[in-house]
PDB file of N, CA and C in Angstrom:
ATOM      1  N   MET A   1      -3.872   8.841 -13.385  1.00  0.00           N
ATOM      2  CA  MET A   1      -2.518   8.024 -12.918  1.00  0.00           C
ATOM      3  C   MET A   1      -2.895   7.169 -11.604  1.00  0.00           C
ATOM      4  N   ALA A   2      -1.622   6.510 -11.690  1.00  0.00           N
ATOM      5  CA  ALA A   2      -1.423   5.558 -11.114  1.00  0.00           C
ATOM      6  C   ALA A   2      -1.069   5.334  -9.594  1.00  0.00           C
ATOM      7  N   ILE A   3      -1.431   5.060  -8.792  1.00  0.00           N
ATOM      8  CA  ILE A   3      -0.230   5.381  -6.933  1.00  0.00           C
ATOM      9  C   ILE A   3       1.238   5.059  -6.865  1.00  0.00           C
ATOM     10  N   PRO A   4       2.165   5.651  -7.366  1.00  0.00           N
ATOM     11  CA  PRO A   4       3.563   4.411  -7.562  1.00  0.00           C
ATOM     12  C   PRO A   4       3.476   3.852  -5.835  1.00  0.00           C
ATOM     13  N   ASP A   5       4.722   3.259  -6.435  1.00  0.00           N
ATOM     14  CA  ASP A   5       4.559   1.849  -5.272  1.00  0.00           C
ATOM     15  C   ASP A   5       4.862   2.221  -3.959  1.00  0.00           C
ATOM     16  N   PHE A   6       6.300   3.922  -4.144  1.00  0.00           N
ATOM     17  CA  PHE A   6       6.159   4.118  -2.602  1.00  0.00           C
ATOM     18  C   PHE A   6       5.549   4.683  -1.794  1.00  0.00           C
ATOM     19  N   LEU A   7       4.271   4.639  -2.886  1.00  0.00           N
ATOM     20  CA  LEU A   7       3.636   5.153  -1.719  1.00  0.00           C
ATOM     21  C   LEU A   7       2.617   4.318  -1.663  1.00  0.00           C
ATOM     22  N   ARG A   8       2.025   3.147  -2.235  1.00  0.00           N
ATOM     23  CA  ARG A   8       1.482   2.204  -1.180  1.00  0.00           C
ATOM     24  C   ARG A   8       0.707   1.680  -0.939  1.00  0.00           C
ATOM     25  N   LEU A   9      -0.872   1.994   0.028  1.00  0.00           N
ATOM     26  CA  LEU A   9      -0.233   1.637   1.641  1.00  0.00           C
ATOM     27  C   LEU A   9       0.162  -0.112   1.834  1.00  0.00           C
ATOM     28  N   LYS A  10      -0.071  -0.765   2.676  1.00  0.00           N
ATOM     29  CA  LYS A  10      -0.675  -2.207   2.821  1.00  0.00           C
ATOM     30  C   LYS A  10      -1.120  -2.588   4.327  1.00  0.00           C
ATOM     31  N   ASP A  11      -2.103  -3.157   3.841  1.00  0.00           N
ATOM     32  CA  ASP A  11      -2.868  -3.777   5.451  1.00  0.00           C
ATOM     33  C   ASP A  11      -2.254  -5.156   5.834  1.00  0.00           C
ATOM     34  N   ASP A  12      -2.390  -5.055   7.606  1.00  0.00           N
ATOM     35  CA  ASP A  12      -1.875  -6.471   7.914  1.00  0.00           C
ATOM     36  C   ASP A  12      -2.005  -7.542   7.254  1.00  0.00           C
ATOM     37  N   GLY A  13      -1.817  -8.042   6.435  1.00  0.00           N
ATOM     38  CA  GLY A  13      -2.836  -8.920   5.387  1.00  0.00           C
ATOM     39  C   GLY A  13      -1.337  -8.839   4.550  1.00  0.00           C
ATOM     40  N   GLY A  14      -1.260  -7.777   4.065  1.00  0.00           N
ATOM     41  CA  GLY A  14       0.186  -7.301   3.102  1.00  0.00           C
ATOM     42  C   GLY A  14      -1.056  -6.793   1.770  1.00  0.00           C
ATOM     43  N   ALA A  15      -1.940  -6.693   1.352  1.00  0.00           N
ATOM     44  CA  ALA A  15      -2.430  -6.605   0.587  1.00  0.00           C
ATOM     45  C   ALA A  15      -2.705  -4.817   0.619  1.00  0.00           C
ATOM     46  N   ASP A  16      -2.375  -4.848  -0.906  1.00  0.00           N
ATOM     47  CA  ASP A  16      -2.668  -2.723  -0.979  1.00  0.00           C
ATOM     48  C   ASP A  16      -3.717  -2.539  -0.354  1.00  0.00           C
ATOM     49  N   ILE A  17      -3.807  -1.343   0.472  1.00  0.00           N
ATOM     50  CA  ILE A  17      -4.919  -0.217   0.377  1.00  0.00           C
ATOM     51  C   ILE A  17      -4.909   0.451  -0.212  1.00  0.00           C
ATOM     52  N   LYS A  18      -5.846   1.514  -1.233  1.00  0.00           N
ATOM     53  CA  LYS A  18      -5.905   2.276  -2.481  1.00  0.00           C
ATOM     54  C   LYS A  18      -6.164   2.951  -1.777  1.00  0.00           C
ATOM     55  N   GLU A  19      -5.741   4.321  -1.588  1.00  0.00           N
ATOM     56  CA  GLU A  19      -5.764   5.800  -0.848  1.00  0.00           C
ATOM     57  C   GLU A  19      -6.259   6.886  -2.280  1.00  0.00           C
ATOM     58  N   PRO A  20      -7.274   6.858  -2.352  1.00  0.00           N
ATOM     59  CA  PRO A  20      -7.402   8.115  -3.410  1.00  0.00           C
ATOM     60  C   PRO A  20      -6.788   9.440  -2.894  1.00  0.00           C
ATOM     61  N   SER A  21      -6.924   9.495  -2.455  1.00  0.00           N
ATOM     62  CA  SER A  21      -6.362  11.172  -2.171  1.00  0.00           C
ATOM     63  C   SER A  21      -4.552  10.808  -1.973  1.00  0.00           C
ATOM     64  N   PHE A  22      -3.730   9.831  -2.391  1.00  0.00           N
ATOM     65  CA  PHE A  22      -2.381   9.850  -2.918  1.00  0.00           C
ATOM     66  C   PHE A  22      -2.390  10.333  -4.053  1.00  0.00           C
ATOM     67  N   GLU A  23      -3.414  10.088  -4.750  1.00  0.00           N
ATOM     68  CA  GLU A  23      -3.011  10.184  -6.805  1.00  0.00           C
ATOM     69  C   GLU A  23      -3.075  11.545  -7.076  1.00  0.00           C
ATOM     70  N   LYS A  24      -3.594  12.337  -6.020  1.00  0.00           N
ATOM     71  CA  LYS A  24      -3.714  14.337  -5.956  1.00  0.00           C
ATOM     72  C   LYS A  24      -1.858  14.223  -6.396  1.00  0.00           C
ATOM     73  N   HIS A  25      -0.969  13.968  -5.347  1.00  0.00           N
ATOM     74  CA  HIS A  25      -0.202  14.050  -5.302  1.00  0.00           C
ATOM     75  C   HIS A  25       0.873  13.713  -5.808  1.00  0.00           C
ATOM     76  N   ASN A  26       2.389  14.574  -6.360  1.00  0.00           N
ATOM     77  CA  ASN A  26       2.850  13.751  -6.841  1.00  0.00           C
ATOM     78  C   ASN A  26       4.743  13.869  -6.756  1.00  0.00           C
ATOM     79  N   HIS A  27       4.515  14.049  -5.365  1.00  0.00           N
ATOM     80  CA  HIS A  27       5.866  14.835  -4.634  1.00  0.00           C
ATOM     81  C   HIS A  27       5.176  14.826  -3.041  1.00  0.00           C
ATOM     82  N   LEU A  28       6.107  14.025  -2.371  1.00  0.00           N
ATOM     83  CA  LEU A  28       6.115  14.085  -0.514  1.00  0.00           C
ATOM     84  C   LEU A  28       7.389  13.393   0.201  1.00  0.00           C
ATOM     85  N   GLU A  29       7.108  14.619   1.048  1.00  0.00           N
ATOM     86  CA  GLU A  29       8.905  14.745   1.873  1.00  0.00           C
ATOM     87  C   GLU A  29       8.472  14.516   3.244  1.00  0.00           C
ATOM     88  N   GLN A  30       9.189  14.026   3.719  1.00  0.00           N
ATOM     89  CA  GLN A  30       8.850  14.134   5.206  1.00  0.00           C
ATOM     90  C   GLN A  30       9.944  14.084   6.231  1.00  0.00           C
ATOM     91  N   ILE A  31      10.076  15.031   7.040  1.00  0.00           N
ATOM     92  CA  ILE A  31      10.934  16.083   7.731  1.00  0.00           C
ATOM     93  C   ILE A  31      10.822  16.059   9.605  1.00  0.00           C
ATOM     94  N   GLU A  32      11.774  15.499   9.918  1.00  0.00           N
ATOM     95  CA  GLU A  32      11.963  15.160  11.108  1.00  0.00           C
ATOM     96  C   GLU A  32      12.813  16.837  11.610  1.00  0.00           C
ATOM     97  N   LEU A  33      12.305  17.205  13.003  1.00  0.00           N
ATOM     98  CA  LEU A  33      12.927  18.091  13.153  1.00  0.00           C
ATOM     99  C   LEU A  33      13.539  17.846  15.157  1.00  0.00           C
ATOM    100  N   ARG A  34      14.375  17.952  15.490  1.00  0.00           N
ATOM    101  CA  ARG A  34      14.613  18.031  17.206  1.00  0.00           C
ATOM    102  C   ARG A  34      14.894  19.375  17.105  1.00  0.00           C
ATOM    103  N   TYR A  35      13.988  19.407  19.009  1.00  0.00           N
ATOM    104  CA  TYR A  35      13.955  20.649  19.241  1.00  0.00           C
ATOM    105  C   TYR A  35      13.750  20.784  20.516  1.00  0.00           C
ATOM    106  N   GLU A  36      14.308  21.826  21.449  1.00  0.00           N
ATOM    107  CA  GLU A  36      14.231  21.847  23.055  1.00  0.00           C
ATOM    108  C   GLU A  36      12.863  22.256  22.965  1.00  0.00           C
ATOM    109  N   LYS A  37      12.717  23.091  22.778  1.00  0.00           N
ATOM    110  CA  LYS A  37      11.449  23.803  23.139  1.00  0.00           C
ATOM    111  C   LYS A  37      10.350  24.486  21.728  1.00  0.00           C
ATOM    112  N   ILE A  38       9.400  24.280  21.717  1.00  0.00           N
ATOM    113  CA  ILE A  38       8.572  24.607  20.550  1.00  0.00           C
ATOM    114  C   ILE A  38       6.716  25.144  20.820  1.00  0.00           C
ATOM    115  N   SER A  39       6.439  26.059  20.375  1.00  0.00           N
ATOM    116  CA  SER A  39       5.477  26.802  21.051  1.00  0.00           C
ATOM    117  C   SER A  39       4.562  26.979  19.912  1.00  0.00           C
ATOM    118  N   TRP A  40       2.917  26.469  19.619  1.00  0.00           N
ATOM    119  CA  TRP A  40       2.100  26.648  18.337  1.00  0.00           C
ATOM    120  C   TRP A  40       1.304  27.789  19.089  1.00  0.00           C
ATOM    121  N   THR A  41       1.299  28.703  17.962  1.00  0.00           N
ATOM    122  CA  THR A  41       0.008  29.727  17.967  1.00  0.00           C
ATOM    123  C   THR A  41      -0.913  29.526  16.627  1.00  0.00           C
ATOM    124  N   TYR A  42      -2.339  29.407  17.376  1.00  0.00           N
ATOM    125  CA  TYR A  42      -3.286  29.503  16.213  1.00  0.00           C
ATOM    126  C   TYR A  42      -4.058  30.884  16.554  1.00  0.00           C
ATOM    127  N   LYS A  43      -4.428  31.425  15.239  1.00  0.00           N
ATOM    128  CA  LYS A  43      -4.562  33.236  15.140  1.00  0.00           C
ATOM    129  C   LYS A  43      -6.169  32.680  15.972  1.00  0.00           C
ATOM    130  N   ASP A  44      -6.385  31.378  15.029  1.00  0.00           N
ATOM    131  CA  ASP A  44      -7.938  32.019  15.052  1.00  0.00           C
ATOM    132  C   ASP A  44      -8.717  31.532  16.473  1.00  0.00           C
ATOM    133  N   GLY A  45      -9.079  32.102  17.835  1.00  0.00           N
ATOM    134  CA  GLY A  45      -8.853  31.754  18.645  1.00  0.00           C
ATOM    135  C   GLY A  45      -8.163  31.990  19.634  1.00  0.00           C
ATOM    136  N   ASN A  46      -7.097  32.239  19.446  1.00  0.00           N
ATOM    137  CA  ASN A  46      -5.929  33.176  20.048  1.00  0.00           C
ATOM    138  C   ASN A  46      -5.313  31.914  21.033  1.00  0.00           C
ATOM    139  N   ILE A  47      -5.429  30.850  20.607  1.00  0.00           N
ATOM    140  CA  ILE A  47      -4.680  29.650  21.071  1.00  0.00           C
ATOM    141  C   ILE A  47      -3.391  29.279  21.476  1.00  0.00           C
ATOM    142  N   ILE A  48      -2.160  29.368  22.879  1.00  0.00           N
ATOM    143  CA  ILE A  48      -1.037  29.549  22.189  1.00  0.00           C
ATOM    144  C   ILE A  48      -0.669  28.040  22.578  1.00  0.00           C
ATOM    145  N   HIS A  49      -0.046  27.113  22.146  1.00  0.00           N
ATOM    146  CA  HIS A  49       0.989  25.894  23.200  1.00  0.00           C
ATOM    147  C   HIS A  49       2.190  25.748  23.373  1.00  0.00           C
ATOM    148  N   SER A  50       2.588  25.198  24.220  1.00  0.00           N
ATOM    149  CA  SER A  50       3.839  25.387  24.166  1.00  0.00           C
ATOM    150  C   SER A  50       3.969  23.772  24.452  1.00  0.00           C
ATOM    151  N   ASP A  51       5.577  23.251  24.177  1.00  0.00           N
ATOM    152  CA  ASP A  51       5.956  21.689  24.323  1.00  0.00           C
ATOM    153  C   ASP A  51       7.401  22.251  24.980  1.00  0.00           C
ATOM    154  N   SER A  52       8.149  21.353  25.761  1.00  0.00           N
ATOM    155  CA  SER A  52       9.338  21.301  25.871  1.00  0.00           C
ATOM    156  C   SER A  52      10.314  19.621  26.202  1.00  0.00           C
ATOM    157  N   TRP A  53      11.222  19.231  25.857  1.00  0.00           N
ATOM    158  CA  TRP A  53      11.475  17.924  26.514  1.00  0.00           C
ATOM    159  C   TRP A  53      12.491  18.087  27.843  1.00  0.00           C
ATOM    160  N   ASN A  54      12.719  19.038  27.380  1.00  0.00           N
ATOM    161  CA  ASN A  54      13.669  19.367  29.158  1.00  0.00           C
ATOM    162  C   ASN A  54      13.217  19.578  30.045  1.00  0.00           C
ATOM    163  N   GLU A  55      11.355  19.928  30.177  1.00  0.00           N
ATOM    164  CA  GLU A  55      11.348  20.690  31.167  1.00  0.00           C
ATOM    165  C   GLU A  55       9.978  19.818  31.842  1.00  0.00           C
ATOM    166  N   ARG A  56       9.732  20.180  33.415  1.00  0.00           N
ATOM    167  CA  ARG A  56       8.541  19.052  33.556  1.00  0.00           C
ATOM    168  C   ARG A  56       7.185  19.984  33.872  1.00  0.00           C
ATOM    169  N   THR A  57       6.451  19.806  34.150  1.00  0.00           N
ATOM    170  CA  THR A  57       5.397  19.981  34.149  1.00  0.00           C
ATOM    171  C   THR A  57       4.514  19.555  35.458  1.00  0.00           C
ATOM    172  N   THR A  58       4.329  20.708  36.216  1.00  0.00           N
ATOM    173  CA  THR A  58       3.946  20.199  37.851  1.00  0.00           C
ATOM    174  C   THR A  58       2.910  21.251  38.395  1.00  0.00           C
ATOM    175  N   ALA A  59       2.451  19.840  39.026  1.00  0.00           N
ATOM    176  CA  ALA A  59       0.638  20.292  39.212  1.00  0.00           C
ATOM    177  C   ALA A  59       0.363  20.569  40.224  1.00  0.00           C
TER     178      ALA A  59
END
């Protein structure tokens, strides 16, 4: 299966970069989310990380 034009990557000189992993995907989406605060929880290792754009971190 050939790489569709919208998935072709270009290097600085404008030449095509062939990425074999893209050939496995026949549909890709880009999603952007806006948030005030977000928390990630990694169950393996019990790691929790939070990020907020409107809270200052203080030392």
